[in-house]
């Protein structure tokens, strides 16, 4: 069972595939598209019990969750402007900071999924090497 948890987490931490990035660049409107799928997956689980009002290293978990959710919705509804993209990258930075500090399995998986969704939403605005 522990192996299954690690496999699931590794899938969430992997960078988005080219197909997922393409789907999100097109507004994520395709059924089963990467960002749409992650958004729908994020809507099912409840916010981690016992972590309301908790902050890690100055980051309020409820506020971070709400901010990412709002930005992802904006991306799905037509895209983020420059200030939205900058704010989303700030959220990703906060997620990168707090994830190693979370020692409760459900909460860690919840915020790992949130980070994957945020990264995918930011992907259309990420410059490519070339």
C-alpha atoms as a PDB file:
ATOM      1  CA  UNK A   1       0.000   0.000   0.000  1.00  0.00           C
ATOM      2  CA  UNK A   2       2.861   2.347   0.800  1.00  0.00           C
ATOM      3  CA  UNK A   3       4.245   1.752  -2.701  1.00  0.00           C
ATOM      4  CA  UNK A   4       0.889   2.773  -4.205  1.00  0.00           C
ATOM      5  CA  UNK A   5       0.988   6.047  -2.263  1.00  0.00           C
ATOM      6  CA  UNK A   6       4.507   6.814  -3.522  1.00  0.00           C
ATOM      7  CA  UNK A   7       3.484   5.952  -7.083  1.00  0.00           C
ATOM      8  CA  UNK A   8       0.473   8.265  -6.850  1.00  0.00           C
ATOM      9  CA  UNK A   9       2.562  11.117  -5.443  1.00  0.00           C
ATOM     10  CA  UNK A  10       5.204  10.677  -8.149  1.00  0.00           C
ATOM     11  CA  UNK A  11       2.482  10.968 -10.796  1.00  0.00           C
ATOM     12  CA  UNK A  12       1.287  14.206  -9.222  1.00  0.00           C
ATOM     13  CA  UNK A  13       4.806  15.638  -9.055  1.00  0.00           C
ATOM     14  CA  UNK A  14       5.759  14.803 -12.623  1.00  0.00           C
ATOM     15  CA  UNK A  15       5.905  17.705 -15.054  1.00  0.00           C
ATOM     16  CA  UNK A  16       2.899  18.051 -17.340  1.00  0.00           C
ATOM     17  CA  UNK A  17       3.077  16.080 -20.560  1.00  0.00           C
ATOM     18  CA  UNK A  18       3.081  17.826 -23.925  1.00  0.00           C
ATOM     19  CA  UNK A  19      -0.537  16.729 -24.409  1.00  0.00           C
ATOM     20  CA  UNK A  20      -1.583  18.256 -21.083  1.00  0.00           C
ATOM     21  CA  UNK A  21       0.207  21.514 -21.861  1.00  0.00           C
ATOM     22  CA  UNK A  22      -1.413  21.608 -25.302  1.00  0.00           C
ATOM     23  CA  UNK A  23      -4.836  21.017 -23.746  1.00  0.00           C
ATOM     24  CA  UNK A  24      -4.357  23.799 -21.218  1.00  0.00           C
ATOM     25  CA  UNK A  25      -2.984  26.166 -23.892  1.00  0.00           C
ATOM     26  CA  UNK A  26      -6.229  25.682 -25.763  1.00  0.00           C
ATOM     27  CA  UNK A  27      -8.106  26.833 -22.671  1.00  0.00           C
ATOM     28  CA  UNK A  28      -8.372  23.325 -21.272  1.00  0.00           C
ATOM     29  CA  UNK A  29     -11.799  23.019 -22.815  1.00  0.00           C
ATOM     30  CA  UNK A  30     -11.413  19.494 -24.143  1.00  0.00           C
ATOM     31  CA  UNK A  31     -13.196  16.880 -22.067  1.00  0.00           C
ATOM     32  CA  UNK A  32     -10.573  14.976 -20.121  1.00  0.00           C
ATOM     33  CA  UNK A  33      -7.972  17.692 -20.850  1.00  0.00           C
ATOM     34  CA  UNK A  34      -5.131  17.933 -18.353  1.00  0.00           C
ATOM     35  CA  UNK A  35      -6.163  21.055 -16.474  1.00  0.00           C
ATOM     36  CA  UNK A  36      -9.877  20.305 -16.664  1.00  0.00           C
ATOM     37  CA  UNK A  37      -9.261  16.808 -15.297  1.00  0.00           C
ATOM     38  CA  UNK A  38      -7.089  18.070 -12.440  1.00  0.00           C
ATOM     39  CA  UNK A  39      -9.651  20.766 -11.608  1.00  0.00           C
ATOM     40  CA  UNK A  40     -12.465  18.207 -11.496  1.00  0.00           C
ATOM     41  CA  UNK A  41     -10.280  15.890  -9.394  1.00  0.00           C
ATOM     42  CA  UNK A  42      -9.573  18.762  -7.005  1.00  0.00           C
ATOM     43  CA  UNK A  43     -13.262  19.527  -6.472  1.00  0.00           C
ATOM     44  CA  UNK A  44     -14.060  16.067  -5.044  1.00  0.00           C
ATOM     45  CA  UNK A  45     -11.914  15.791  -1.901  1.00  0.00           C
ATOM     46  CA  UNK A  46     -12.628  17.949   1.117  1.00  0.00           C
ATOM     47  CA  UNK A  47     -10.087  20.415   2.430  1.00  0.00           C
ATOM     48  CA  UNK A  48      -7.855  18.531   4.890  1.00  0.00           C
ATOM     49  CA  UNK A  49      -9.546  18.203   8.262  1.00  0.00           C
ATOM     50  CA  UNK A  50      -7.702  19.995  11.030  1.00  0.00           C
ATOM     51  CA  UNK A  51      -5.757  22.308   8.693  1.00  0.00           C
ATOM     52  CA  UNK A  52      -8.226  25.204   8.525  1.00  0.00           C
ATOM     53  CA  UNK A  53      -6.633  28.287  10.014  1.00  0.00           C
ATOM     54  CA  UNK A  54      -3.196  26.655   9.891  1.00  0.00           C
ATOM     55  CA  UNK A  55      -0.246  28.353   8.345  1.00  0.00           C
ATOM     56  CA  UNK A  56       3.153  26.974   7.507  1.00  0.00           C
ATOM     57  CA  UNK A  57       6.067  29.372   7.362  1.00  0.00           C
ATOM     58  CA  UNK A  58       3.682  32.331   6.989  1.00  0.00           C
ATOM     59  CA  UNK A  59       1.496  30.695   4.316  1.00  0.00           C
ATOM     60  CA  UNK A  60      -2.198  30.301   5.223  1.00  0.00           C
ATOM     61  CA  UNK A  61      -3.324  26.974   3.730  1.00  0.00           C
ATOM     62  CA  UNK A  62      -6.982  27.946   3.225  1.00  0.00           C
ATOM     63  CA  UNK A  63      -6.046  31.190   1.506  1.00  0.00           C
ATOM     64  CA  UNK A  64      -3.487  29.426  -0.691  1.00  0.00           C
ATOM     65  CA  UNK A  65      -6.086  26.830  -1.721  1.00  0.00           C
ATOM     66  CA  UNK A  66      -8.647  29.547  -2.509  1.00  0.00           C
ATOM     67  CA  UNK A  67      -6.144  31.660  -4.454  1.00  0.00           C
ATOM     68  CA  UNK A  68      -5.009  28.767  -6.646  1.00  0.00           C
ATOM     69  CA  UNK A  69      -8.623  27.674  -7.218  1.00  0.00           C
ATOM     70  CA  UNK A  70      -9.631  31.170  -8.331  1.00  0.00           C
ATOM     71  CA  UNK A  71      -6.642  31.501 -10.650  1.00  0.00           C
ATOM     72  CA  UNK A  72      -7.232  28.068 -12.182  1.00  0.00           C
ATOM     73  CA  UNK A  73     -10.870  28.979 -12.822  1.00  0.00           C
ATOM     74  CA  UNK A  74      -9.748  32.185 -14.545  1.00  0.00           C
ATOM     75  CA  UNK A  75      -7.307  30.182 -16.701  1.00  0.00           C
ATOM     76  CA  UNK A  76     -10.078  27.752 -17.660  1.00  0.00           C
ATOM     77  CA  UNK A  77     -12.473  30.588 -18.511  1.00  0.00           C
ATOM     78  CA  UNK A  78     -10.187  32.317 -20.942  1.00  0.00           C
ATOM     79  CA  UNK A  79      -6.713  32.716 -19.566  1.00  0.00           C
ATOM     80  CA  UNK A  80      -4.786  34.692 -17.032  1.00  0.00           C
ATOM     81  CA  UNK A  81      -3.448  38.180 -17.578  1.00  0.00           C
ATOM     82  CA  UNK A  82       0.139  39.019 -16.617  1.00  0.00           C
ATOM     83  CA  UNK A  83      -0.750  39.886 -13.014  1.00  0.00           C
ATOM     84  CA  UNK A  84      -2.711  36.625 -12.653  1.00  0.00           C
ATOM     85  CA  UNK A  85       0.228  34.617 -13.981  1.00  0.00           C
ATOM     86  CA  UNK A  86       2.612  36.398 -11.591  1.00  0.00           C
ATOM     87  CA  UNK A  87       0.277  35.747  -8.666  1.00  0.00           C
ATOM     88  CA  UNK A  88      -0.059  32.083  -9.659  1.00  0.00           C
ATOM     89  CA  UNK A  89       3.738  31.689  -9.731  1.00  0.00           C
ATOM     90  CA  UNK A  90       3.803  33.231  -6.250  1.00  0.00           C
ATOM     91  CA  UNK A  91       1.334  30.549  -5.154  1.00  0.00           C
ATOM     92  CA  UNK A  92       3.510  27.847  -6.712  1.00  0.00           C
ATOM     93  CA  UNK A  93       6.486  29.229  -4.780  1.00  0.00           C
ATOM     94  CA  UNK A  94       4.421  29.053  -1.570  1.00  0.00           C
ATOM     95  CA  UNK A  95       3.378  25.475  -2.373  1.00  0.00           C
ATOM     96  CA  UNK A  96       7.008  24.522  -2.952  1.00  0.00           C
ATOM     97  CA  UNK A  97       7.850  26.054   0.421  1.00  0.00           C
ATOM     98  CA  UNK A  98       5.090  24.395   2.464  1.00  0.00           C
ATOM     99  CA  UNK A  99       4.912  20.915   0.920  1.00  0.00           C
ATOM    100  CA  UNK A 100       8.055  19.622   2.662  1.00  0.00           C
ATOM    101  CA  UNK A 101       6.652  20.900   5.983  1.00  0.00           C
ATOM    102  CA  UNK A 102       3.366  18.935   5.803  1.00  0.00           C
ATOM    103  CA  UNK A 103       3.675  15.622   7.626  1.00  0.00           C
ATOM    104  CA  UNK A 104       0.067  14.447   7.345  1.00  0.00           C
ATOM    105  CA  UNK A 105      -0.536  12.149   4.351  1.00  0.00           C
ATOM    106  CA  UNK A 106      -3.971  13.388   3.216  1.00  0.00           C
ATOM    107  CA  UNK A 107      -2.990  17.049   3.538  1.00  0.00           C
ATOM    108  CA  UNK A 108       0.268  16.449   1.671  1.00  0.00           C
ATOM    109  CA  UNK A 109      -1.525  14.700  -1.204  1.00  0.00           C
ATOM    110  CA  UNK A 110      -4.178  17.460  -1.329  1.00  0.00           C
ATOM    111  CA  UNK A 111      -1.564  20.208  -1.650  1.00  0.00           C
ATOM    112  CA  UNK A 112       0.592  18.143  -4.015  1.00  0.00           C
ATOM    113  CA  UNK A 113      -2.416  17.890  -6.338  1.00  0.00           C
ATOM    114  CA  UNK A 114      -3.023  21.629  -5.905  1.00  0.00           C
ATOM    115  CA  UNK A 115       0.599  22.299  -6.919  1.00  0.00           C
ATOM    116  CA  UNK A 116       0.310  20.071 -10.006  1.00  0.00           C
ATOM    117  CA  UNK A 117      -2.851  21.916 -11.024  1.00  0.00           C
ATOM    118  CA  UNK A 118      -1.223  25.324 -10.477  1.00  0.00           C
ATOM    119  CA  UNK A 119       1.824  24.320 -12.548  1.00  0.00           C
ATOM    120  CA  UNK A 120      -0.389  23.126 -15.375  1.00  0.00           C
ATOM    121  CA  UNK A 121      -2.436  26.342 -15.275  1.00  0.00           C
ATOM    122  CA  UNK A 122       0.799  28.365 -15.463  1.00  0.00           C
ATOM    123  CA  UNK A 123       2.240  26.249 -18.301  1.00  0.00           C
ATOM    124  CA  UNK A 124       0.730  28.284 -21.179  1.00  0.00           C
ATOM    125  CA  UNK A 125       2.553  31.364 -19.839  1.00  0.00           C
ATOM    126  CA  UNK A 126       5.885  29.633 -19.284  1.00  0.00           C
ATOM    127  CA  UNK A 127       8.439  30.609 -21.922  1.00  0.00           C
ATOM    128  CA  UNK A 128       9.921  27.700 -23.822  1.00  0.00           C
ATOM    129  CA  UNK A 129      13.637  27.231 -24.300  1.00  0.00           C
ATOM    130  CA  UNK A 130      14.611  27.789 -27.806  1.00  0.00           C
END
